[in-house]
């Protein structure tokens, strides 16, 4: 049970930290809009491509 907690805790910490930063307006709203576009159009597709290209397909058969 403790292993599950330690596995998902960093995700919740990042969510809470991002929410607090956005509420306090530390980075401006323009930063968040640009960040959303960057993650959606560049970083996430790059991650998907990297993960699928480095997957061992022969190991599953």
N, C-alpha and C. Protein backbone atom coordinates (compact mmCIF):
# COMPACT_ATOMS: atom_id res chain seq x y z
N UNK A 1 0.82 -1.19 0.00
CA UNK A 1 0.00 0.00 0.00
C UNK A 1 0.87 1.25 0.00
N UNK A 2 1.94 1.20 0.76
CA UNK A 2 2.82 2.36 0.83
C UNK A 2 3.53 2.61 -0.50
N UNK A 3 3.83 1.54 -1.23
CA UNK A 3 4.46 1.70 -2.54
C UNK A 3 3.55 2.44 -3.51
N UNK A 4 2.25 2.17 -3.44
CA UNK A 4 1.30 2.86 -4.31
C UNK A 4 1.27 4.34 -3.96
N UNK A 5 1.27 4.65 -2.69
CA UNK A 5 1.27 6.05 -2.26
C UNK A 5 2.50 6.78 -2.77
N UNK A 6 3.66 6.18 -2.63
CA UNK A 6 4.89 6.82 -3.09
C UNK A 6 4.94 6.95 -4.61
N UNK A 7 4.22 6.09 -5.31
CA UNK A 7 4.20 6.15 -6.77
C UNK A 7 3.33 7.29 -7.28
N UNK A 8 2.21 7.56 -6.61
CA UNK A 8 1.29 8.60 -7.10
C UNK A 8 1.45 9.94 -6.39
N UNK A 9 2.19 9.98 -5.31
CA UNK A 9 2.37 11.23 -4.56
C UNK A 9 3.01 12.33 -5.40
N UNK A 10 4.07 12.08 -6.17
CA UNK A 10 4.65 13.16 -6.97
C UNK A 10 3.68 13.75 -7.99
N UNK A 11 2.78 12.95 -8.50
CA UNK A 11 1.79 13.46 -9.46
C UNK A 11 0.87 14.46 -8.77
N UNK A 12 0.38 14.11 -7.61
CA UNK A 12 -0.51 15.01 -6.89
C UNK A 12 0.21 16.26 -6.41
N UNK A 13 1.46 16.13 -6.04
CA UNK A 13 2.25 17.31 -5.62
C UNK A 13 2.38 18.28 -6.79
N UNK A 14 2.66 17.77 -7.99
CA UNK A 14 2.76 18.64 -9.16
C UNK A 14 1.43 19.30 -9.50
N UNK A 15 0.34 18.56 -9.36
CA UNK A 15 -0.97 19.14 -9.64
C UNK A 15 -1.28 20.26 -8.66
N UNK A 16 -1.04 20.03 -7.39
CA UNK A 16 -1.31 21.05 -6.37
C UNK A 16 -0.40 22.25 -6.55
N UNK A 17 0.88 22.01 -6.82
CA UNK A 17 1.82 23.11 -7.02
C UNK A 17 1.42 23.96 -8.23
N UNK A 18 1.07 23.33 -9.33
CA UNK A 18 0.63 24.06 -10.51
C UNK A 18 -0.63 24.86 -10.26
N UNK A 19 -1.56 24.27 -9.52
CA UNK A 19 -2.80 24.96 -9.20
C UNK A 19 -2.54 26.18 -8.32
N UNK A 20 -1.67 26.04 -7.33
CA UNK A 20 -1.34 27.18 -6.46
C UNK A 20 -0.64 28.29 -7.22
N UNK A 21 0.28 27.92 -8.09
CA UNK A 21 0.97 28.93 -8.89
C UNK A 21 0.00 29.67 -9.80
N UNK A 22 -0.92 28.94 -10.40
CA UNK A 22 -1.87 29.58 -11.31
C UNK A 22 -2.83 30.49 -10.56
N UNK A 23 -3.26 30.08 -9.38
CA UNK A 23 -4.17 30.93 -8.59
C UNK A 23 -3.49 32.21 -8.14
N UNK A 24 -2.22 32.12 -7.77
CA UNK A 24 -1.50 33.30 -7.30
C UNK A 24 -1.02 34.17 -8.44
N UNK A 25 -1.09 33.67 -9.66
CA UNK A 25 -0.71 34.47 -10.82
C UNK A 25 0.77 34.73 -10.91
N UNK A 26 1.59 33.85 -10.35
CA UNK A 26 3.04 34.05 -10.39
C UNK A 26 3.51 34.10 -11.84
N UNK A 27 3.31 33.06 -12.64
CA UNK A 27 3.49 33.28 -14.08
C UNK A 27 2.19 33.87 -14.62
N UNK A 28 2.30 34.74 -15.59
CA UNK A 28 1.11 35.39 -16.13
C UNK A 28 0.27 34.39 -16.91
N UNK A 29 -0.95 34.79 -17.24
CA UNK A 29 -1.86 33.93 -17.99
C UNK A 29 -1.31 33.66 -19.39
N UNK A 30 -0.54 34.60 -19.94
CA UNK A 30 0.07 34.38 -21.26
C UNK A 30 1.07 33.24 -21.20
N UNK A 31 1.81 33.15 -20.10
CA UNK A 31 2.74 32.04 -19.93
C UNK A 31 2.01 30.71 -19.96
N UNK A 32 0.90 30.63 -19.24
CA UNK A 32 0.17 29.36 -19.19
C UNK A 32 -0.42 29.01 -20.54
N UNK A 33 -0.90 30.00 -21.28
CA UNK A 33 -1.44 29.72 -22.61
C UNK A 33 -0.35 29.21 -23.54
N UNK A 34 0.82 29.83 -23.50
CA UNK A 34 1.93 29.38 -24.32
C UNK A 34 2.40 28.00 -23.88
N UNK A 35 2.45 27.78 -22.59
CA UNK A 35 2.87 26.48 -22.06
C UNK A 35 1.91 25.37 -22.49
N UNK A 36 0.61 25.64 -22.45
CA UNK A 36 -0.37 24.65 -22.88
C UNK A 36 -0.15 24.27 -24.34
N UNK A 37 0.07 25.26 -25.19
CA UNK A 37 0.29 24.98 -26.61
C UNK A 37 1.58 24.22 -26.83
N UNK A 38 2.63 24.59 -26.11
CA UNK A 38 3.91 23.91 -26.25
C UNK A 38 3.81 22.45 -25.86
N UNK A 39 3.17 22.18 -24.74
CA UNK A 39 3.04 20.79 -24.29
C UNK A 39 2.16 19.99 -25.24
N UNK A 40 1.05 20.57 -25.69
CA UNK A 40 0.10 19.84 -26.52
C UNK A 40 0.64 19.57 -27.92
N UNK A 41 1.32 20.54 -28.51
CA UNK A 41 1.73 20.41 -29.91
C UNK A 41 3.17 19.93 -30.09
N UNK A 42 4.04 20.08 -29.09
CA UNK A 42 5.45 19.73 -29.28
C UNK A 42 5.91 18.64 -28.32
N UNK A 43 5.80 18.87 -27.04
CA UNK A 43 6.40 17.97 -26.06
C UNK A 43 5.69 16.62 -25.96
N UNK A 44 4.37 16.62 -25.92
CA UNK A 44 3.65 15.35 -25.80
C UNK A 44 3.81 14.47 -27.04
N UNK A 45 3.68 15.01 -28.26
CA UNK A 45 3.95 14.16 -29.43
C UNK A 45 5.39 13.65 -29.46
N UNK A 46 6.34 14.46 -29.01
CA UNK A 46 7.73 14.00 -28.96
C UNK A 46 7.88 12.84 -27.98
N UNK A 47 7.22 12.93 -26.85
CA UNK A 47 7.26 11.85 -25.87
C UNK A 47 6.64 10.58 -26.43
N UNK A 48 5.50 10.71 -27.09
CA UNK A 48 4.87 9.53 -27.69
C UNK A 48 5.75 8.89 -28.75
N UNK A 49 6.36 9.71 -29.59
CA UNK A 49 7.25 9.18 -30.63
C UNK A 49 8.45 8.47 -30.00
N UNK A 50 9.05 9.09 -29.01
CA UNK A 50 10.21 8.49 -28.35
C UNK A 50 9.86 7.15 -27.70
N UNK A 51 8.76 7.13 -26.97
CA UNK A 51 8.37 5.91 -26.27
C UNK A 51 8.02 4.78 -27.24
N UNK A 52 7.33 5.10 -28.32
CA UNK A 52 6.98 4.04 -29.27
C UNK A 52 8.19 3.59 -30.08
N UNK A 53 9.13 4.48 -30.32
CA UNK A 53 10.30 4.08 -31.10
C UNK A 53 11.31 3.28 -30.28
N UNK A 54 11.28 3.40 -28.97
CA UNK A 54 12.22 2.66 -28.13
C UNK A 54 11.59 1.42 -27.49
N UNK A 55 10.35 1.13 -27.84
CA UNK A 55 9.67 -0.04 -27.28
C UNK A 55 10.18 -1.31 -27.96
N UNK A 56 10.42 -2.33 -27.15
CA UNK A 56 10.86 -3.62 -27.67
C UNK A 56 9.64 -4.41 -28.13
N UNK A 57 9.39 -4.40 -29.43
CA UNK A 57 8.21 -5.07 -29.96
C UNK A 57 8.38 -6.58 -30.00
N UNK A 58 9.59 -7.06 -30.13
CA UNK A 58 9.82 -8.50 -30.21
C UNK A 58 9.59 -9.18 -28.86
N UNK A 59 9.70 -8.45 -27.79
CA UNK A 59 9.54 -9.05 -26.47
C UNK A 59 8.11 -9.45 -26.16
N UNK A 60 7.15 -8.90 -26.87
CA UNK A 60 5.76 -9.21 -26.60
C UNK A 60 5.25 -10.46 -27.29
N UNK A 61 6.03 -11.03 -28.18
CA UNK A 61 5.55 -12.19 -28.95
C UNK A 61 6.19 -13.45 -28.51
